[in-house]
Amino acid sequence: MHYSRKIPLIILLLFSGLTVLGQFDTEEIDTLENKILYNKQITYGLTFHNLGFGANFRTGKLLTYFKTRMFEIEFFSMRSYKQVKMINPYFANSRRYVFGKYNDAFFLRCGMVWKKLLNQKPYWGGVELRFMYGGGFSLGIAKPYYLYIIEDVTGDGSNYILVTERFDAAKHSSTYIYGRAPFSTGLDE
């Protein structure tokens, strides 16, 4: 009976010196040492919107962990929201065209962008804040819009030829427009 009190006391004293590892977090999750840090980044993509489409490319370099410098270039097309495609009802295989359109509009944007990390996203989730500023230039490019125009050869409408011309409101009506010309027509102008 004397030993029955001492045995639990001895076992308690033996195990009290051991460190209880379950009480400490040995894994450091939210540190820079445990994260992959990329020095360069390249992104590219396609853009589709209700007034056209485009493509973009962006490349950047990490200056410090908090600052990034990027170069971007973007090329896209734009059309007017007022334009409506038409078709000549008098010819079976006529192509669709936009009546009154003079040019196709394209834009090229180039610039530099700097990003600064203000608040890092915690590992459990949350919000990361970045401040971006940049500048550059935009270049507008207009390509002439060509149409297939019907020219009557005989004068009675029985024989005609198709001629490629730019739209002229004083000269062309929707009755004599067969359709749009190929996109490559007018690229050299």
Protein backbone atom coordinates (compact mmCIF):
# COMPACT_ATOMS: atom_id res chain seq x y z
CA MET A 1 0.00 0.00 0.00
CA HIS A 2 2.90 2.22 0.53
CA TYR A 3 4.13 1.64 -3.05
CA SER A 4 0.70 2.16 -4.62
CA ARG A 5 0.91 5.89 -3.87
CA LYS A 6 4.50 6.28 -5.03
CA ILE A 7 4.17 4.56 -8.44
CA PRO A 8 1.72 7.12 -9.96
CA LEU A 9 3.82 9.93 -8.48
CA ILE A 10 7.03 8.53 -10.05
CA ILE A 11 5.31 8.08 -13.45
CA LEU A 12 3.98 11.65 -13.26
CA LEU A 13 7.44 13.03 -12.47
CA LEU A 14 9.07 11.05 -15.33
CA PHE A 15 6.63 12.29 -17.98
CA SER A 16 6.41 15.88 -16.73
CA GLY A 17 9.87 16.65 -18.11
CA LEU A 18 8.89 15.77 -21.70
CA THR A 19 7.88 18.62 -23.98
CA VAL A 20 4.35 18.30 -25.18
CA LEU A 21 4.67 18.89 -28.93
CA GLY A 22 0.94 19.01 -29.55
CA GLN A 23 0.75 22.41 -27.88
CA PHE A 24 3.18 24.13 -30.29
CA ASP A 25 2.77 24.96 -33.98
CA THR A 26 6.02 23.84 -35.59
CA GLU A 27 4.99 24.82 -39.13
CA GLU A 28 5.45 28.45 -40.15
CA ILE A 29 2.92 29.02 -42.88
CA ASP A 30 2.79 32.75 -43.54
CA THR A 31 6.46 33.57 -44.09
CA LEU A 32 8.44 34.53 -47.15
CA GLU A 33 10.79 31.57 -46.72
CA ASN A 34 8.00 29.07 -47.37
CA LYS A 35 6.62 30.69 -50.52
CA ILE A 36 7.76 30.39 -54.12
CA LEU A 37 8.92 33.75 -55.40
CA TYR A 38 8.97 34.24 -59.17
CA ASN A 39 11.25 36.92 -60.60
CA LYS A 40 9.51 37.22 -63.99
CA GLN A 41 5.97 36.84 -65.20
CA ILE A 42 4.39 36.65 -68.64
CA THR A 43 0.66 36.79 -69.33
CA TYR A 44 -1.30 36.91 -72.56
CA GLY A 45 -4.92 36.66 -73.45
CA LEU A 46 -7.82 37.28 -75.77
CA THR A 47 -10.54 39.85 -75.22
CA PHE A 48 -14.07 39.59 -76.55
CA HIS A 49 -16.53 42.42 -76.01
CA ASN A 50 -19.76 43.57 -77.59
CA LEU A 51 -17.99 46.08 -79.87
CA GLY A 52 -15.08 43.93 -81.08
CA PHE A 53 -12.24 41.69 -79.97
CA GLY A 54 -8.52 41.88 -79.23
CA ALA A 55 -5.36 40.30 -77.90
CA ASN A 56 -2.97 41.39 -75.17
CA PHE A 57 0.50 40.52 -73.88
CA ARG A 58 2.11 41.56 -70.60
CA THR A 59 5.56 40.78 -69.24
CA GLY A 60 6.98 41.89 -65.94
CA LYS A 61 9.89 41.69 -63.56
CA LEU A 62 9.79 41.61 -59.78
CA LEU A 63 11.93 44.49 -58.50
CA THR A 64 11.39 43.70 -54.82
CA TYR A 65 8.86 41.49 -53.09
CA PHE A 66 6.48 44.44 -52.93
CA LYS A 67 7.18 46.14 -56.30
CA THR A 68 6.72 44.86 -59.86
CA ARG A 69 7.41 46.63 -63.17
CA MET A 70 5.48 45.45 -66.23
CA PHE A 71 5.41 46.18 -69.97
CA GLU A 72 2.12 45.63 -71.78
CA ILE A 73 0.93 45.71 -75.37
CA GLU A 74 -2.65 45.31 -76.56
CA PHE A 75 -4.22 45.26 -80.02
CA PHE A 76 -8.00 45.32 -80.44
CA SER A 77 -10.74 46.23 -82.88
CA MET A 78 -13.67 48.50 -82.21
CA ARG A 79 -16.90 49.05 -84.09
CA SER A 80 -19.75 51.46 -83.63
CA TYR A 81 -22.75 50.30 -81.62
CA LYS A 82 -24.96 51.96 -84.25
CA GLN A 83 -23.83 49.83 -87.20
CA VAL A 84 -26.27 47.26 -88.58
CA LYS A 85 -25.36 44.55 -91.07
CA MET A 86 -27.44 44.38 -94.23
CA ILE A 87 -27.79 42.03 -97.17
CA ASN A 88 -28.89 42.77 -100.73
CA PRO A 89 -32.28 41.03 -101.15
CA TYR A 90 -32.12 41.05 -104.97
CA PHE A 91 -29.17 38.62 -105.22
CA ALA A 92 -29.17 35.10 -103.79
CA ASN A 93 -25.51 34.78 -102.75
CA SER A 94 -24.76 38.34 -101.70
CA ARG A 95 -22.55 38.95 -98.67
CA ARG A 96 -23.45 40.85 -95.52
CA TYR A 97 -22.12 44.40 -95.23
CA VAL A 98 -22.53 47.54 -93.14
CA PHE A 99 -24.17 50.36 -95.06
CA GLY A 100 -22.51 53.75 -94.51
CA LYS A 101 -19.30 52.40 -93.01
CA TYR A 102 -16.12 54.11 -94.20
CA ASN A 103 -13.38 52.49 -92.09
CA ASP A 104 -12.55 49.59 -89.79
CA ALA A 105 -11.03 50.88 -86.53
CA PHE A 106 -8.15 49.18 -84.70
CA PHE A 107 -6.17 50.33 -81.68
CA LEU A 108 -2.69 49.52 -80.45
CA ARG A 109 -1.81 50.29 -76.83
CA CYS A 110 1.68 50.06 -75.32
CA GLY A 111 2.77 51.09 -71.87
CA MET A 112 4.55 50.50 -68.59
CA VAL A 113 2.75 49.54 -65.38
CA TRP A 114 4.09 49.50 -61.83
CA LYS A 115 2.40 47.45 -59.11
CA LYS A 116 2.95 47.85 -55.39
CA LEU A 117 1.77 45.32 -52.82
CA LEU A 118 0.07 47.14 -49.95
CA ASN A 119 -1.35 44.25 -47.94
CA GLN A 120 -0.49 40.58 -48.38
CA LYS A 121 -3.26 37.98 -48.41
CA PRO A 122 -3.13 35.80 -45.28
CA TYR A 123 -2.79 32.04 -45.74
CA TRP A 124 -6.29 31.36 -44.38
CA GLY A 125 -7.90 33.63 -46.95
CA GLY A 126 -8.78 37.27 -47.10
CA VAL A 127 -8.00 40.25 -49.26
CA GLU A 128 -4.74 41.34 -50.85
CA LEU A 129 -4.43 45.02 -51.75
CA ARG A 130 -2.27 46.27 -54.61
CA PHE A 131 -1.74 49.76 -55.99
CA MET A 132 -1.20 50.00 -59.77
CA TYR A 133 -0.19 52.98 -61.86
CA GLY A 134 1.16 53.29 -65.35
CA GLY A 135 1.26 55.15 -68.59
CA GLY A 136 1.79 54.68 -72.28
CA PHE A 137 0.42 55.56 -75.65
CA SER A 138 -2.47 54.48 -77.86
CA LEU A 139 -2.37 54.42 -81.63
CA GLY A 140 -5.57 54.39 -83.69
CA ILE A 141 -5.46 52.66 -87.07
CA ALA A 142 -8.19 53.04 -89.69
CA LYS A 143 -8.42 50.55 -92.57
CA PRO A 144 -10.69 51.53 -95.47
CA TYR A 145 -13.88 49.48 -95.76
CA TYR A 146 -14.38 48.19 -99.31
CA LEU A 147 -17.55 46.88 -100.91
CA TYR A 148 -18.45 44.90 -104.02
CA ILE A 149 -20.47 47.28 -106.21
CA ILE A 150 -22.72 46.01 -109.00
CA GLU A 151 -22.08 47.67 -112.35
CA ASP A 152 -24.51 47.01 -115.14
CA VAL A 153 -22.63 46.28 -118.37
CA THR A 154 -25.49 46.05 -120.85
CA GLY A 155 -27.80 48.71 -119.43
CA ASP A 156 -30.85 46.45 -119.09
CA GLY A 157 -29.68 44.60 -115.93
CA SER A 158 -29.17 41.24 -117.60
CA ASN A 159 -25.37 41.31 -117.45
CA TYR A 160 -23.35 42.85 -114.62
CA ILE A 161 -19.88 42.78 -113.10
CA LEU A 162 -18.68 43.26 -109.52
CA VAL A 163 -16.24 46.10 -108.87
CA THR A 164 -14.41 46.66 -105.59
CA GLU A 165 -14.77 50.27 -104.37
CA ARG A 166 -14.78 52.27 -101.15
CA PHE A 167 -18.18 53.37 -99.94
CA ASP A 168 -19.31 56.78 -101.20
CA ALA A 169 -22.69 57.99 -99.93
CA ALA A 170 -23.27 60.25 -102.93
CA LYS A 171 -22.56 57.47 -105.42
CA HIS A 172 -23.72 54.16 -103.89
CA SER A 173 -27.14 52.99 -102.76
CA SER A 174 -28.07 49.75 -101.01
CA THR A 175 -29.60 48.43 -104.25
CA TYR A 176 -26.25 48.39 -106.05
CA ILE A 177 -24.11 47.01 -103.22
CA TYR A 178 -23.48 43.26 -103.56
CA GLY A 179 -21.63 42.87 -100.25
CA ARG A 180 -18.39 43.51 -98.42
CA ALA A 181 -15.05 42.93 -100.08
CA PRO A 182 -12.34 40.71 -98.51
CA PHE A 183 -10.64 42.06 -95.38
CA SER A 184 -7.25 42.20 -97.09
CA THR A 185 -8.53 44.75 -99.63
CA GLY A 186 -7.27 48.17 -98.56
CA LEU A 187 -4.52 47.06 -96.18
CA ASP A 188 -1.89 48.87 -98.26
CA GLU A 189 -3.64 52.25 -97.96
